[in-house]
Amino acid sequence: MSTLTMNAKPPRQITGRMVLIGFIVFFGIIAAVNGVFMYFALSTWPGLTTEDAYKKGIAYNRTLDEAAAQARLGWRSAVVFDASGNIAVRLFGKDGAPVAGARVDVTLSRPLGSEAAEVLTLEEAAPGEYTGRVAVPDPGRWKADINAQLNDDRYRMRHEVMVK
């Protein structure tokens, strides 16, 4: 007999105790990682998408009524913004005719990022065409929120405008 076969250790036996310890360690690691994920998920996002959700929920019927009134009104709008800072809003009625004599406000803001917004009251340059001038904003996407009122008729619309 050679010396190598004499000094070889017998293979280690897998026992029930080793399998139990392996399961406990495996599921312990899974539970710990899930616990860390839950902690970060619950501590970084409060779950609110709006600050006054309760009040908005109560007033939701009024929101639906305003949307139905605007749909009955049938107005349409178009926004043109050029690089020199001129902004024009064109309002059209249900029949396609220009809406003249309205008070038109535009709020310009970024879709993401800065909360700064600029509110302009536009002047009627021609029937249904309302113009104004704004300091030339940074290039990129902007939101133009249109608020128009003519007597008791109210119109609201959001347009996205690209400034080059």
N, C-alpha and C. Protein backbone atom coordinates (compact mmCIF):
# COMPACT_ATOMS: atom_id res chain seq x y z
N MET A 1 0.82 -1.19 0.00
CA MET A 1 0.00 0.00 0.00
C MET A 1 0.86 1.25 0.00
N SER A 2 0.35 2.23 -0.72
CA SER A 2 1.11 3.46 -0.78
C SER A 2 0.73 4.35 0.39
N THR A 3 1.56 5.32 0.65
CA THR A 3 1.31 6.22 1.77
C THR A 3 0.20 7.20 1.47
N LEU A 4 -0.07 7.45 0.21
CA LEU A 4 -1.13 8.39 -0.14
C LEU A 4 -2.50 7.82 0.23
N THR A 5 -2.73 6.61 0.00
CA THR A 5 -4.03 6.04 0.31
C THR A 5 -4.20 5.85 1.80
N MET A 6 -3.18 5.76 2.52
CA MET A 6 -3.27 5.55 3.96
C MET A 6 -3.62 6.84 4.68
N ASN A 7 -3.14 8.01 4.21
CA ASN A 7 -3.35 9.26 4.91
C ASN A 7 -4.58 10.02 4.41
N ALA A 8 -5.31 9.54 3.44
CA ALA A 8 -6.48 10.23 2.88
C ALA A 8 -7.61 10.24 3.91
N LYS A 9 -8.27 11.42 4.03
CA LYS A 9 -9.39 11.55 4.96
C LYS A 9 -10.65 11.04 4.30
N PRO A 10 -11.51 10.46 5.07
CA PRO A 10 -12.79 10.03 4.50
C PRO A 10 -13.63 11.24 4.10
N PRO A 11 -14.48 11.17 3.05
CA PRO A 11 -15.31 12.31 2.66
C PRO A 11 -16.25 12.71 3.79
N ARG A 12 -16.51 14.01 3.86
CA ARG A 12 -17.36 14.54 4.92
C ARG A 12 -18.80 14.16 4.62
N GLN A 13 -19.49 13.72 5.61
CA GLN A 13 -20.87 13.31 5.48
C GLN A 13 -21.79 14.51 5.64
N ILE A 14 -22.84 14.63 4.80
CA ILE A 14 -23.86 15.68 4.94
C ILE A 14 -24.89 15.14 5.91
N THR A 15 -25.05 15.89 6.99
CA THR A 15 -25.98 15.44 8.02
C THR A 15 -27.23 16.30 7.99
N GLY A 16 -28.23 15.88 8.70
CA GLY A 16 -29.47 16.66 8.81
C GLY A 16 -29.22 18.00 9.47
N ARG A 17 -28.31 18.07 10.41
CA ARG A 17 -27.97 19.31 11.11
C ARG A 17 -27.37 20.32 10.12
N MET A 18 -26.49 19.86 9.21
CA MET A 18 -25.88 20.75 8.23
C MET A 18 -26.93 21.30 7.25
N VAL A 19 -27.86 20.46 6.82
CA VAL A 19 -28.93 20.90 5.91
C VAL A 19 -29.80 21.94 6.61
N LEU A 20 -30.14 21.72 7.87
CA LEU A 20 -30.95 22.67 8.64
C LEU A 20 -30.24 24.02 8.77
N ILE A 21 -28.96 23.99 9.10
CA ILE A 21 -28.19 25.24 9.23
C ILE A 21 -28.12 25.96 7.89
N GLY A 22 -27.94 25.22 6.80
CA GLY A 22 -27.91 25.83 5.47
C GLY A 22 -29.22 26.53 5.13
N PHE A 23 -30.36 25.87 5.41
CA PHE A 23 -31.66 26.48 5.16
C PHE A 23 -31.84 27.74 6.01
N ILE A 24 -31.49 27.67 7.27
CA ILE A 24 -31.66 28.83 8.16
C ILE A 24 -30.80 30.00 7.69
N VAL A 25 -29.56 29.75 7.30
CA VAL A 25 -28.68 30.82 6.82
C VAL A 25 -29.22 31.40 5.50
N PHE A 26 -29.63 30.53 4.56
CA PHE A 26 -30.14 30.99 3.28
C PHE A 26 -31.37 31.89 3.46
N PHE A 27 -32.37 31.42 4.18
CA PHE A 27 -33.58 32.22 4.36
C PHE A 27 -33.36 33.41 5.28
N GLY A 28 -32.38 33.34 6.16
CA GLY A 28 -32.03 34.50 6.99
C GLY A 28 -31.47 35.63 6.14
N ILE A 29 -30.61 35.26 5.18
CA ILE A 29 -30.06 36.29 4.27
C ILE A 29 -31.17 36.90 3.43
N ILE A 30 -32.08 36.09 2.91
CA ILE A 30 -33.21 36.60 2.11
C ILE A 30 -34.05 37.55 2.95
N ALA A 31 -34.37 37.18 4.19
CA ALA A 31 -35.19 38.04 5.06
C ALA A 31 -34.46 39.34 5.38
N ALA A 32 -33.16 39.30 5.60
CA ALA A 32 -32.40 40.51 5.91
C ALA A 32 -32.38 41.47 4.71
N VAL A 33 -32.15 40.94 3.52
CA VAL A 33 -32.14 41.79 2.32
C VAL A 33 -33.52 42.40 2.10
N ASN A 34 -34.58 41.60 2.24
CA ASN A 34 -35.94 42.14 2.10
C ASN A 34 -36.21 43.22 3.14
N GLY A 35 -35.74 43.03 4.35
CA GLY A 35 -35.91 44.04 5.40
C GLY A 35 -35.23 45.35 5.04
N VAL A 36 -34.01 45.27 4.48
CA VAL A 36 -33.30 46.48 4.06
C VAL A 36 -34.06 47.17 2.94
N PHE A 37 -34.55 46.41 1.96
CA PHE A 37 -35.32 47.00 0.86
C PHE A 37 -36.59 47.66 1.39
N MET A 38 -37.30 47.01 2.30
CA MET A 38 -38.53 47.61 2.85
C MET A 38 -38.22 48.89 3.61
N TYR A 39 -37.14 48.91 4.37
CA TYR A 39 -36.78 50.11 5.11
C TYR A 39 -36.56 51.28 4.15
N PHE A 40 -35.74 51.06 3.11
CA PHE A 40 -35.47 52.15 2.17
C PHE A 40 -36.71 52.54 1.37
N ALA A 41 -37.55 51.59 1.03
CA ALA A 41 -38.77 51.91 0.28
C ALA A 41 -39.72 52.75 1.12
N LEU A 42 -39.88 52.42 2.37
CA LEU A 42 -40.82 53.15 3.22
C LEU A 42 -40.26 54.46 3.74
N SER A 43 -38.94 54.58 3.85
CA SER A 43 -38.38 55.81 4.41
C SER A 43 -38.08 56.86 3.36
N THR A 44 -38.03 56.50 2.07
CA THR A 44 -37.68 57.48 1.05
C THR A 44 -38.87 58.03 0.29
N TRP A 45 -40.02 57.40 0.30
CA TRP A 45 -41.19 57.89 -0.41
C TRP A 45 -42.38 57.86 0.52
N PRO A 46 -43.02 59.01 0.76
CA PRO A 46 -44.11 59.05 1.73
C PRO A 46 -45.41 58.44 1.22
N GLY A 47 -45.49 58.16 -0.07
CA GLY A 47 -46.70 57.57 -0.61
C GLY A 47 -47.70 58.59 -1.12
N LEU A 48 -47.40 59.88 -1.00
CA LEU A 48 -48.30 60.93 -1.47
C LEU A 48 -47.89 61.39 -2.86
N THR A 49 -48.87 61.56 -3.71
CA THR A 49 -48.59 62.15 -5.01
C THR A 49 -49.07 63.59 -5.07
N THR A 50 -49.84 64.00 -4.10
CA THR A 50 -50.31 65.38 -4.01
C THR A 50 -50.39 65.76 -2.54
N GLU A 51 -50.20 67.03 -2.26
CA GLU A 51 -50.16 67.47 -0.87
C GLU A 51 -51.55 67.47 -0.22
N ASP A 52 -52.57 67.83 -0.96
CA ASP A 52 -53.91 67.94 -0.38
C ASP A 52 -54.87 66.97 -1.05
N ALA A 53 -54.52 65.69 -1.00
CA ALA A 53 -55.31 64.67 -1.69
C ALA A 53 -56.73 64.59 -1.14
N TYR A 54 -56.90 64.75 0.15
CA TYR A 54 -58.23 64.66 0.74
C TYR A 54 -59.14 65.76 0.21
N LYS A 55 -58.65 67.01 0.20
CA LYS A 55 -59.46 68.12 -0.30
C LYS A 55 -59.76 67.97 -1.79
N LYS A 56 -58.78 67.51 -2.55
CA LYS A 56 -59.01 67.31 -3.98
C LYS A 56 -60.00 66.18 -4.21
N GLY A 57 -59.96 65.18 -3.37
CA GLY A 57 -60.92 64.08 -3.49
C GLY A 57 -62.34 64.54 -3.23
N ILE A 58 -62.51 65.40 -2.24
CA ILE A 58 -63.84 65.92 -1.93
C ILE A 58 -64.36 66.79 -3.07
N ALA A 59 -63.46 67.55 -3.68
CA ALA A 59 -63.85 68.47 -4.76
C ALA A 59 -63.85 67.80 -6.13
N TYR A 60 -63.74 66.49 -6.18
CA TYR A 60 -63.62 65.81 -7.47
C TYR A 60 -64.86 65.98 -8.34
N ASN A 61 -66.04 66.01 -7.73
CA ASN A 61 -67.26 66.23 -8.52
C ASN A 61 -67.23 67.59 -9.21
N ARG A 62 -66.69 68.60 -8.53
CA ARG A 62 -66.56 69.92 -9.15
C ARG A 62 -65.59 69.84 -10.33
N THR A 63 -64.52 69.08 -10.19
CA THR A 63 -63.56 68.90 -11.28
C THR A 63 -64.23 68.24 -12.47
N LEU A 64 -65.06 67.22 -12.21
CA LEU A 64 -65.78 66.56 -13.30
C LEU A 64 -66.77 67.50 -13.97
N ASP A 65 -67.46 68.33 -13.18
CA ASP A 65 -68.40 69.30 -13.74
C ASP A 65 -67.68 70.31 -14.63
N GLU A 66 -66.51 70.79 -14.18
CA GLU A 66 -65.74 71.74 -14.98
C GLU A 66 -65.27 71.11 -16.29
N ALA A 67 -64.85 69.85 -16.23
CA ALA A 67 -64.41 69.15 -17.44
C ALA A 67 -65.57 68.97 -18.42
N ALA A 68 -66.77 68.66 -17.89
CA ALA A 68 -67.94 68.50 -18.76
C ALA A 68 -68.33 69.83 -19.39
N ALA A 69 -68.26 70.92 -18.62
CA ALA A 69 -68.58 72.25 -19.15
C ALA A 69 -67.60 72.64 -20.24
N GLN A 70 -66.32 72.32 -20.06
CA GLN A 70 -65.33 72.64 -21.08
C GLN A 70 -65.55 71.81 -22.34
N ALA A 71 -65.94 70.56 -22.16
CA ALA A 71 -66.22 69.71 -23.34
C ALA A 71 -67.42 70.25 -24.11
N ARG A 72 -68.46 70.71 -23.41
CA ARG A 72 -69.62 71.31 -24.08
C ARG A 72 -69.24 72.59 -24.81
N LEU A 73 -68.31 73.34 -24.22
CA LEU A 73 -67.86 74.60 -24.83
C LEU A 73 -67.19 74.34 -26.18
N GLY A 74 -66.37 73.30 -26.25
CA GLY A 74 -65.78 72.88 -27.53
C GLY A 74 -64.67 73.76 -28.06
N TRP A 75 -64.06 74.58 -27.22
CA TRP A 75 -62.98 75.43 -27.69
C TRP A 75 -61.72 74.61 -27.93
N ARG A 76 -60.88 75.11 -28.85
CA ARG A 76 -59.58 74.53 -29.12
C ARG A 76 -58.55 75.65 -29.08
N SER A 77 -57.30 75.28 -28.83
CA SER A 77 -56.26 76.31 -28.79
C SER A 77 -54.99 75.79 -29.45
N ALA A 78 -54.17 76.74 -29.85
CA ALA A 78 -52.85 76.44 -30.42
C ALA A 78 -51.88 77.47 -29.86
N VAL A 79 -50.67 77.04 -29.58
CA VAL A 79 -49.65 77.93 -29.02
C VAL A 79 -48.47 77.96 -29.97
N VAL A 80 -47.98 79.18 -30.24
CA VAL A 80 -46.78 79.37 -31.05
C VAL A 80 -45.81 80.20 -30.22
N PHE A 81 -44.59 79.71 -30.12
CA PHE A 81 -43.58 80.41 -29.33
C PHE A 81 -42.32 80.47 -30.17
N ASP A 82 -41.76 81.68 -30.34
CA ASP A 82 -40.55 81.77 -31.15
C ASP A 82 -39.34 82.10 -30.27
N ALA A 83 -38.17 82.01 -30.86
CA ALA A 83 -36.92 82.15 -30.12
C ALA A 83 -36.70 83.57 -29.59
N SER A 84 -37.39 84.55 -30.13
CA SER A 84 -37.20 85.93 -29.66
C SER A 84 -38.08 86.25 -28.45
N GLY A 85 -38.90 85.32 -28.01
CA GLY A 85 -39.69 85.53 -26.80
C GLY A 85 -41.14 85.91 -27.05
N ASN A 86 -41.59 85.89 -28.29
CA ASN A 86 -42.99 86.18 -28.59
C ASN A 86 -43.81 84.91 -28.44
N ILE A 87 -44.94 85.03 -27.77
CA ILE A 87 -45.83 83.89 -27.61
C ILE A 87 -47.20 84.30 -28.14
N ALA A 88 -47.82 83.39 -28.87
CA ALA A 88 -49.15 83.65 -29.43
C ALA A 88 -50.03 82.45 -29.13
N VAL A 89 -51.24 82.75 -28.68
CA VAL A 89 -52.24 81.71 -28.43
C VAL A 89 -53.42 82.01 -29.34
N ARG A 90 -53.86 81.01 -30.08
CA ARG A 90 -55.02 81.15 -30.95
C ARG A 90 -56.14 80.31 -30.37
N LEU A 91 -57.31 80.93 -30.19
CA LEU A 91 -58.49 80.24 -29.65
C LEU A 91 -59.54 80.11 -30.74
N PHE A 92 -60.10 78.92 -30.84
CA PHE A 92 -61.15 78.64 -31.82
C PHE A 92 -62.35 78.06 -31.10
N GLY A 93 -63.54 78.48 -31.51
CA GLY A 93 -64.77 77.95 -30.95
C GLY A 93 -65.12 76.59 -31.52
N LYS A 94 -66.26 76.08 -31.09
CA LYS A 94 -66.72 74.77 -31.54
C LYS A 94 -66.90 74.73 -33.05
N ASP A 95 -67.33 75.87 -33.62
CA ASP A 95 -67.56 75.94 -35.07
C ASP A 95 -66.30 76.28 -35.86
N GLY A 96 -65.16 76.44 -35.18
CA GLY A 96 -63.91 76.77 -35.85
C GLY A 96 -63.66 78.25 -35.98
N ALA A 97 -64.61 79.09 -35.58
CA ALA A 97 -64.44 80.54 -35.66
C ALA A 97 -63.54 81.01 -34.51
N PRO A 98 -62.79 82.10 -34.71
CA PRO A 98 -61.94 82.62 -33.63
C PRO A 98 -62.79 83.09 -32.45
N VAL A 99 -62.26 82.88 -31.24
CA VAL A 99 -62.92 83.35 -30.01
C VAL A 99 -62.31 84.70 -29.68
N ALA A 100 -63.10 85.75 -29.86
CA ALA A 100 -62.61 87.12 -29.64
C ALA A 100 -63.13 87.65 -28.32
N GLY A 101 -62.33 88.55 -27.73
CA GLY A 101 -62.76 89.25 -26.52
C GLY A 101 -62.53 88.50 -25.22
N ALA A 102 -61.77 87.47 -25.23
CA ALA A 102 -61.52 86.69 -24.01
C ALA A 102 -60.33 87.27 -23.25
N ARG A 103 -60.28 86.94 -21.97
CA ARG A 103 -59.09 87.25 -21.15
C ARG A 103 -58.26 85.96 -21.14
N VAL A 104 -57.01 86.06 -21.59
CA VAL A 104 -56.17 84.87 -21.73
C VAL A 104 -54.90 85.05 -20.91
N ASP A 105 -54.66 84.09 -20.04
CA ASP A 105 -53.42 84.03 -19.25
C ASP A 105 -52.67 82.77 -19.64
N VAL A 106 -51.35 82.86 -19.65
CA VAL A 106 -50.49 81.71 -19.94
C VAL A 106 -49.49 81.59 -18.80
N THR A 107 -49.33 80.37 -18.30
CA THR A 107 -48.31 80.09 -17.30
C THR A 107 -47.27 79.19 -17.96
N LEU A 108 -46.04 79.68 -18.05
CA LEU A 108 -44.94 78.91 -18.63
C LEU A 108 -44.11 78.30 -17.51
N SER A 109 -43.89 77.00 -17.58
CA SER A 109 -43.08 76.31 -16.58
C SER A 109 -42.43 75.10 -17.22
N ARG A 110 -41.47 74.54 -16.54
CA ARG A 110 -40.78 73.35 -17.02
C ARG A 110 -41.58 72.11 -16.64
N PRO A 111 -41.58 71.07 -17.50
CA PRO A 111 -42.27 69.84 -17.12
C PRO A 111 -41.59 69.14 -15.94
N LEU A 112 -40.29 69.27 -15.84
CA LEU A 112 -39.53 68.65 -14.75
C LEU A 112 -38.54 69.65 -14.21
N GLY A 113 -38.14 69.44 -12.98
CA GLY A 113 -37.07 70.25 -12.43
C GLY A 113 -37.59 71.50 -11.74
N SER A 114 -37.18 72.64 -12.23
CA SER A 114 -37.44 73.92 -11.58
C SER A 114 -38.94 74.18 -11.40
N GLU A 115 -39.28 74.68 -10.23
CA GLU A 115 -40.67 75.02 -9.94
C GLU A 115 -41.01 76.44 -10.38
N ALA A 116 -40.03 77.19 -10.88
CA ALA A 116 -40.27 78.56 -11.30
C ALA A 116 -41.22 78.58 -12.48
N ALA A 117 -42.18 79.50 -12.41
CA ALA A 117 -43.15 79.64 -13.49
C ALA A 117 -43.35 81.13 -13.77
N GLU A 118 -43.63 81.44 -15.01
CA GLU A 118 -43.89 82.82 -15.39
C GLU A 118 -45.32 82.91 -15.91
N VAL A 119 -46.09 83.84 -15.33
CA VAL A 119 -47.49 84.03 -15.71
C VAL A 119 -47.60 85.30 -16.54
N LEU A 120 -48.24 85.17 -17.71
CA LEU A 120 -48.42 86.31 -18.62
C LEU A 120 -49.90 86.50 -18.90
N THR A 121 -50.33 87.74 -18.94
CA THR A 121 -51.66 88.07 -19.44
C THR A 121 -51.47 88.58 -20.86
N LEU A 122 -52.11 87.91 -21.81
CA LEU A 122 -51.91 88.21 -23.22
C LEU A 122 -52.90 89.26 -23.71
N GLU A 123 -52.48 89.99 -24.71
CA GLU A 123 -53.32 91.01 -25.35
C GLU A 123 -53.87 90.44 -26.65
N GLU A 124 -55.08 90.86 -27.00
CA GLU A 124 -55.68 90.39 -28.25
C GLU A 124 -55.13 91.20 -29.41
N ALA A 125 -54.38 90.56 -30.30
CA ALA A 125 -53.78 91.23 -31.45
C ALA A 125 -54.71 91.20 -32.65
N ALA A 126 -55.49 90.14 -32.76
CA ALA A 126 -56.47 89.97 -33.84
C ALA A 126 -57.57 89.10 -33.26
N PRO A 127 -58.74 89.04 -33.89
CA PRO A 127 -59.80 88.20 -33.34
C PRO A 127 -59.33 86.75 -33.14
N GLY A 128 -59.34 86.33 -31.89
CA GLY A 128 -58.96 84.96 -31.56
C GLY A 128 -57.47 84.73 -31.41
N GLU A 129 -56.65 85.76 -31.63
CA GLU A 129 -55.20 85.62 -31.49
C GLU A 129 -54.71 86.53 -30.38
N TYR A 130 -54.10 85.92 -29.38
CA TYR A 130 -53.65 86.64 -28.19
C TYR A 130 -52.14 86.50 -28.09
N THR A 131 -51.45 87.66 -27.93
CA THR A 131 -49.99 87.64 -27.98
C THR A 131 -49.40 88.30 -26.74
N GLY A 132 -48.15 87.97 -26.49
CA GLY A 132 -47.40 88.57 -25.40
C GLY A 132 -45.93 88.33 -25.61
N ARG A 133 -45.15 88.88 -24.73
CA ARG A 133 -43.70 88.75 -24.83
C ARG A 133 -43.18 88.28 -23.48
N VAL A 134 -42.23 87.35 -23.54
CA VAL A 134 -41.63 86.80 -22.33
C VAL A 134 -40.13 86.80 -22.51
N ALA A 135 -39.40 86.91 -21.40
CA ALA A 135 -37.95 86.78 -21.49
C ALA A 135 -37.64 85.41 -22.08
N VAL A 136 -36.71 85.38 -22.99
CA VAL A 136 -36.42 84.14 -23.70
C VAL A 136 -35.97 83.08 -22.69
N PRO A 137 -36.74 82.01 -22.57
CA PRO A 137 -36.35 80.97 -21.61
C PRO A 137 -35.26 80.07 -22.17
N ASP A 138 -34.76 79.22 -21.31
CA ASP A 138 -33.74 78.24 -21.71
C ASP A 138 -34.32 77.32 -22.78
N PRO A 139 -33.47 76.81 -23.65
CA PRO A 139 -33.96 75.87 -24.66
C PRO A 139 -34.48 74.59 -24.00
N GLY A 140 -35.40 73.96 -24.68
CA GLY A 140 -35.94 72.69 -24.20
C GLY A 140 -37.46 72.71 -24.15
N ARG A 141 -38.02 71.70 -23.48
CA ARG A 141 -39.48 71.58 -23.38
C ARG A 141 -40.01 72.48 -22.28
N TRP A 142 -41.15 73.10 -22.56
CA TRP A 142 -41.86 73.96 -21.60
C TRP A 142 -43.33 73.60 -21.62
N LYS A 143 -43.99 73.80 -20.50
CA LYS A 143 -45.45 73.65 -20.42
C LYS A 143 -46.05 75.04 -20.56
N ALA A 144 -47.07 75.15 -21.38
CA ALA A 144 -47.82 76.39 -21.51
C ALA A 144 -49.25 76.08 -21.07
N ASP A 145 -49.61 76.51 -19.87
CA ASP A 145 -50.96 76.30 -19.34
C ASP A 145 -51.81 77.50 -19.72
N ILE A 146 -52.82 77.26 -20.55
CA ILE A 146 -53.70 78.32 -21.05
C ILE A 146 -54.93 78.40 -20.16
N ASN A 147 -55.26 79.60 -19.71
CA ASN A 147 -56.50 79.86 -18.99
C ASN A 147 -57.20 81.00 -19.72
N ALA A 148 -58.36 80.73 -20.26
CA ALA A 148 -59.10 81.75 -21.00
C ALA A 148 -60.51 81.86 -20.41
N GLN A 149 -61.00 83.09 -20.36
CA GLN A 149 -62.35 83.31 -19.85
C GLN A 149 -63.05 84.35 -20.72
N LEU A 150 -64.26 84.02 -21.11
CA LEU A 150 -65.11 84.92 -21.87
C LEU A 150 -66.48 84.84 -21.24
N ASN A 151 -66.87 85.91 -20.56
CA ASN A 151 -68.11 85.95 -19.78
C ASN A 151 -68.07 84.82 -18.74
N ASP A 152 -69.00 83.87 -18.79
CA ASP A 152 -69.00 82.76 -17.83
C ASP A 152 -68.31 81.52 -18.36
N ASP A 153 -67.82 81.57 -19.59
CA ASP A 153 -67.16 80.42 -20.20
C ASP A 153 -65.69 80.41 -19.80
N ARG A 154 -65.24 79.26 -19.33
CA ARG A 154 -63.84 79.10 -18.93
C ARG A 154 -63.22 77.95 -19.72
N TYR A 155 -61.98 78.16 -20.11
CA TYR A 155 -61.26 77.17 -20.90
C TYR A 155 -59.87 77.01 -20.32
N ARG A 156 -59.45 75.76 -20.15
CA ARG A 156 -58.10 75.46 -19.68
C ARG A 156 -57.50 74.36 -20.55
N MET A 157 -56.23 74.55 -20.88
CA MET A 157 -55.54 73.53 -21.67
C MET A 157 -54.06 73.64 -21.42
N ARG A 158 -53.38 72.52 -21.46
CA ARG A 158 -51.93 72.48 -21.32
C ARG A 158 -51.32 72.06 -22.66
N HIS A 159 -50.39 72.86 -23.12
CA HIS A 159 -49.64 72.57 -24.35
C HIS A 159 -48.17 72.40 -23.98
N GLU A 160 -47.47 71.57 -24.72
CA GLU A 160 -46.02 71.48 -24.58
C GLU A 160 -45.41 72.26 -25.72
N VAL A 161 -44.44 73.11 -25.38
CA VAL A 161 -43.81 73.98 -26.35
C VAL A 161 -42.31 73.67 -26.34
N MET A 162 -41.73 73.57 -27.51
CA MET A 162 -40.29 73.33 -27.62
C MET A 162 -39.59 74.65 -27.97
N VAL A 163 -38.66 75.05 -27.13
CA VAL A 163 -37.87 76.26 -27.38
C VAL A 163 -36.51 75.82 -27.88
N LYS A 164 -36.12 76.32 -29.05
CA LYS A 164 -34.84 75.91 -29.64
C LYS A 164 -33.78 76.96 -29.44
